[in-house]
Amino acid sequence: MLLLATAMGGSLLQLPVLGWFTQIAVLAAALRGFFAVPLEPATACAAVMLFATTLCIVPAGIILARLGGITLRDAARGSSAQRTA
């Protein structure tokens, strides 16, 4: 629970270009601070946790959108049409 709460807190501190790296750094720092894990395993664990909690849904979403008949071009056209309206 402590690691998940820290991961959620790290997602609130995202920088514009370095978003995922700040999440990994915050979670690795939490692992080092709370559990005294060395830097390399803490960073690896943080990267795997980022993938497991946020990035693993992207391929499934793309596959389901494709099965539903939605392409990325259609989604981009729809979002650009909403911005101009």
C-alpha atoms as a PDB file:
ATOM      1  CA  MET A   1       0.000   0.000   0.000  1.00  0.00           C
ATOM      2  CA  LEU A   2       2.876   2.322   0.813  1.00  0.00           C
ATOM      3  CA  LEU A   3       4.462   1.800  -2.607  1.00  0.00           C
ATOM      4  CA  LEU A   4       1.185   2.306  -4.456  1.00  0.00           C
ATOM      5  CA  ALA A   5       0.527   5.508  -2.537  1.00  0.00           C
ATOM      6  CA  THR A   6       4.020   6.716  -3.368  1.00  0.00           C
ATOM      7  CA  ALA A   7       3.520   5.845  -7.034  1.00  0.00           C
ATOM      8  CA  MET A   8       0.290   7.846  -7.074  1.00  0.00           C
ATOM      9  CA  GLY A   9       2.083  10.750  -5.429  1.00  0.00           C
ATOM     10  CA  GLY A  10       4.846  10.521  -8.024  1.00  0.00           C
ATOM     11  CA  SER A  11       2.297  10.769 -10.809  1.00  0.00           C
ATOM     12  CA  LEU A  12       1.149  14.091  -9.362  1.00  0.00           C
ATOM     13  CA  LEU A  13       4.686  15.502  -9.613  1.00  0.00           C
ATOM     14  CA  GLN A  14       5.171  14.887 -13.325  1.00  0.00           C
ATOM     15  CA  LEU A  15       7.329  17.298 -15.288  1.00  0.00           C
ATOM     16  CA  PRO A  16       6.315  18.066 -18.893  1.00  0.00           C
ATOM     17  CA  VAL A  17       9.002  16.091 -20.739  1.00  0.00           C
ATOM     18  CA  LEU A  18      10.341  13.878 -17.962  1.00  0.00           C
ATOM     19  CA  GLY A  19       7.014  12.518 -16.698  1.00  0.00           C
ATOM     20  CA  TRP A  20       7.769   8.822 -16.466  1.00  0.00           C
ATOM     21  CA  PHE A  21      11.303   9.414 -15.219  1.00  0.00           C
ATOM     22  CA  THR A  22      10.071  11.514 -12.302  1.00  0.00           C
ATOM     23  CA  GLN A  23       7.637   8.757 -11.340  1.00  0.00           C
ATOM     24  CA  ILE A  24      10.445   6.212 -11.424  1.00  0.00           C
ATOM     25  CA  ALA A  25      12.728   8.507  -9.404  1.00  0.00           C
ATOM     26  CA  VAL A  26      10.090   9.180  -6.729  1.00  0.00           C
ATOM     27  CA  LEU A  27       9.269   5.504  -6.361  1.00  0.00           C
ATOM     28  CA  ALA A  28      12.953   4.511  -6.264  1.00  0.00           C
ATOM     29  CA  ALA A  29      13.589   7.154  -3.603  1.00  0.00           C
ATOM     30  CA  ALA A  30      10.684   5.780  -1.573  1.00  0.00           C
ATOM     31  CA  LEU A  31      12.063   2.262  -1.831  1.00  0.00           C
ATOM     32  CA  ARG A  32      15.456   3.499  -0.686  1.00  0.00           C
ATOM     33  CA  GLY A  33      14.012   5.564   2.146  1.00  0.00           C
ATOM     34  CA  PHE A  34      11.408   3.173   3.529  1.00  0.00           C
ATOM     35  CA  PHE A  35      13.037  -0.198   2.898  1.00  0.00           C
ATOM     36  CA  ALA A  36      16.771   0.628   2.455  1.00  0.00           C
ATOM     37  CA  VAL A  37      16.883  -1.008  -0.987  1.00  0.00           C
ATOM     38  CA  PRO A  38      20.061  -0.290  -3.026  1.00  0.00           C
ATOM     39  CA  LEU A  39      19.713   2.186  -5.905  1.00  0.00           C
ATOM     40  CA  GLU A  40      19.845  -0.199  -8.877  1.00  0.00           C
ATOM     41  CA  PRO A  41      17.218  -2.699  -7.662  1.00  0.00           C
ATOM     42  CA  ALA A  42      15.029   0.174  -6.460  1.00  0.00           C
ATOM     43  CA  THR A  43      15.149   1.806  -9.892  1.00  0.00           C
ATOM     44  CA  ALA A  44      14.418  -1.492 -11.645  1.00  0.00           C
ATOM     45  CA  CYS A  45      11.494  -2.182  -9.321  1.00  0.00           C
ATOM     46  CA  ALA A  46      10.150   1.325  -9.886  1.00  0.00           C
ATOM     47  CA  ALA A  47      10.333   0.907 -13.674  1.00  0.00           C
ATOM     48  CA  VAL A  48       8.534  -2.444 -13.531  1.00  0.00           C
ATOM     49  CA  MET A  49       5.897  -1.000 -11.216  1.00  0.00           C
ATOM     50  CA  LEU A  50       5.327   1.929 -13.604  1.00  0.00           C
ATOM     51  CA  PHE A  51       4.812  -0.529 -16.437  1.00  0.00           C
ATOM     52  CA  ALA A  52       2.534  -2.775 -14.400  1.00  0.00           C
ATOM     53  CA  THR A  53       0.319   0.035 -13.111  1.00  0.00           C
ATOM     54  CA  THR A  54       0.040   2.396 -16.087  1.00  0.00           C
ATOM     55  CA  LEU A  55       1.667   1.351 -19.339  1.00  0.00           C
ATOM     56  CA  CYS A  56       0.378  -2.213 -19.647  1.00  0.00           C
ATOM     57  CA  ILE A  57      -3.126  -0.987 -20.543  1.00  0.00           C
ATOM     58  CA  VAL A  58      -1.999   0.813 -23.741  1.00  0.00           C
ATOM     59  CA  PRO A  59      -1.674  -2.276 -26.019  1.00  0.00           C
ATOM     60  CA  ALA A  60      -5.002  -3.662 -24.807  1.00  0.00           C
ATOM     61  CA  GLY A  61      -6.693  -0.315 -25.463  1.00  0.00           C
ATOM     62  CA  ILE A  62      -5.275  -0.083 -28.972  1.00  0.00           C
ATOM     63  CA  ILE A  63      -6.405  -3.631 -29.768  1.00  0.00           C
ATOM     64  CA  LEU A  64      -9.916  -3.018 -28.426  1.00  0.00           C
ATOM     65  CA  ALA A  65     -10.188   0.273 -30.325  1.00  0.00           C
ATOM     66  CA  ARG A  66      -9.137  -1.498 -33.517  1.00  0.00           C
ATOM     67  CA  LEU A  67     -11.726  -4.242 -32.939  1.00  0.00           C
ATOM     68  CA  GLY A  68     -14.317  -1.523 -32.403  1.00  0.00           C
ATOM     69  CA  GLY A  69     -13.495   0.046 -35.755  1.00  0.00           C
ATOM     70  CA  ILE A  70     -11.685   3.079 -34.373  1.00  0.00           C
ATOM     71  CA  THR A  71      -8.354   4.014 -35.928  1.00  0.00           C
ATOM     72  CA  LEU A  72      -5.816   6.452 -34.557  1.00  0.00           C
ATOM     73  CA  ARG A  73      -6.413   8.728 -37.583  1.00  0.00           C
ATOM     74  CA  ASP A  74     -10.147   8.876 -36.821  1.00  0.00           C
ATOM     75  CA  ALA A  75      -9.438   9.663 -33.188  1.00  0.00           C
ATOM     76  CA  ALA A  76      -6.995  12.429 -34.194  1.00  0.00           C
ATOM     77  CA  ARG A  77      -9.506  13.915 -36.643  1.00  0.00           C
ATOM     78  CA  GLY A  78     -12.221  13.832 -33.991  1.00  0.00           C
ATOM     79  CA  SER A  79     -10.087  15.580 -31.424  1.00  0.00           C
ATOM     80  CA  SER A  80      -8.933  18.259 -33.891  1.00  0.00           C
ATOM     81  CA  ALA A  81     -12.544  18.867 -34.966  1.00  0.00           C
ATOM     82  CA  GLN A  82     -13.534  19.379 -31.337  1.00  0.00           C
ATOM     83  CA  ARG A  83     -10.737  21.917 -30.834  1.00  0.00           C
ATOM     84  CA  THR A  84     -11.813  24.040 -33.810  1.00  0.00           C
ATOM     85  CA  ALA A  85     -15.502  23.988 -32.904  1.00  0.00           C
END
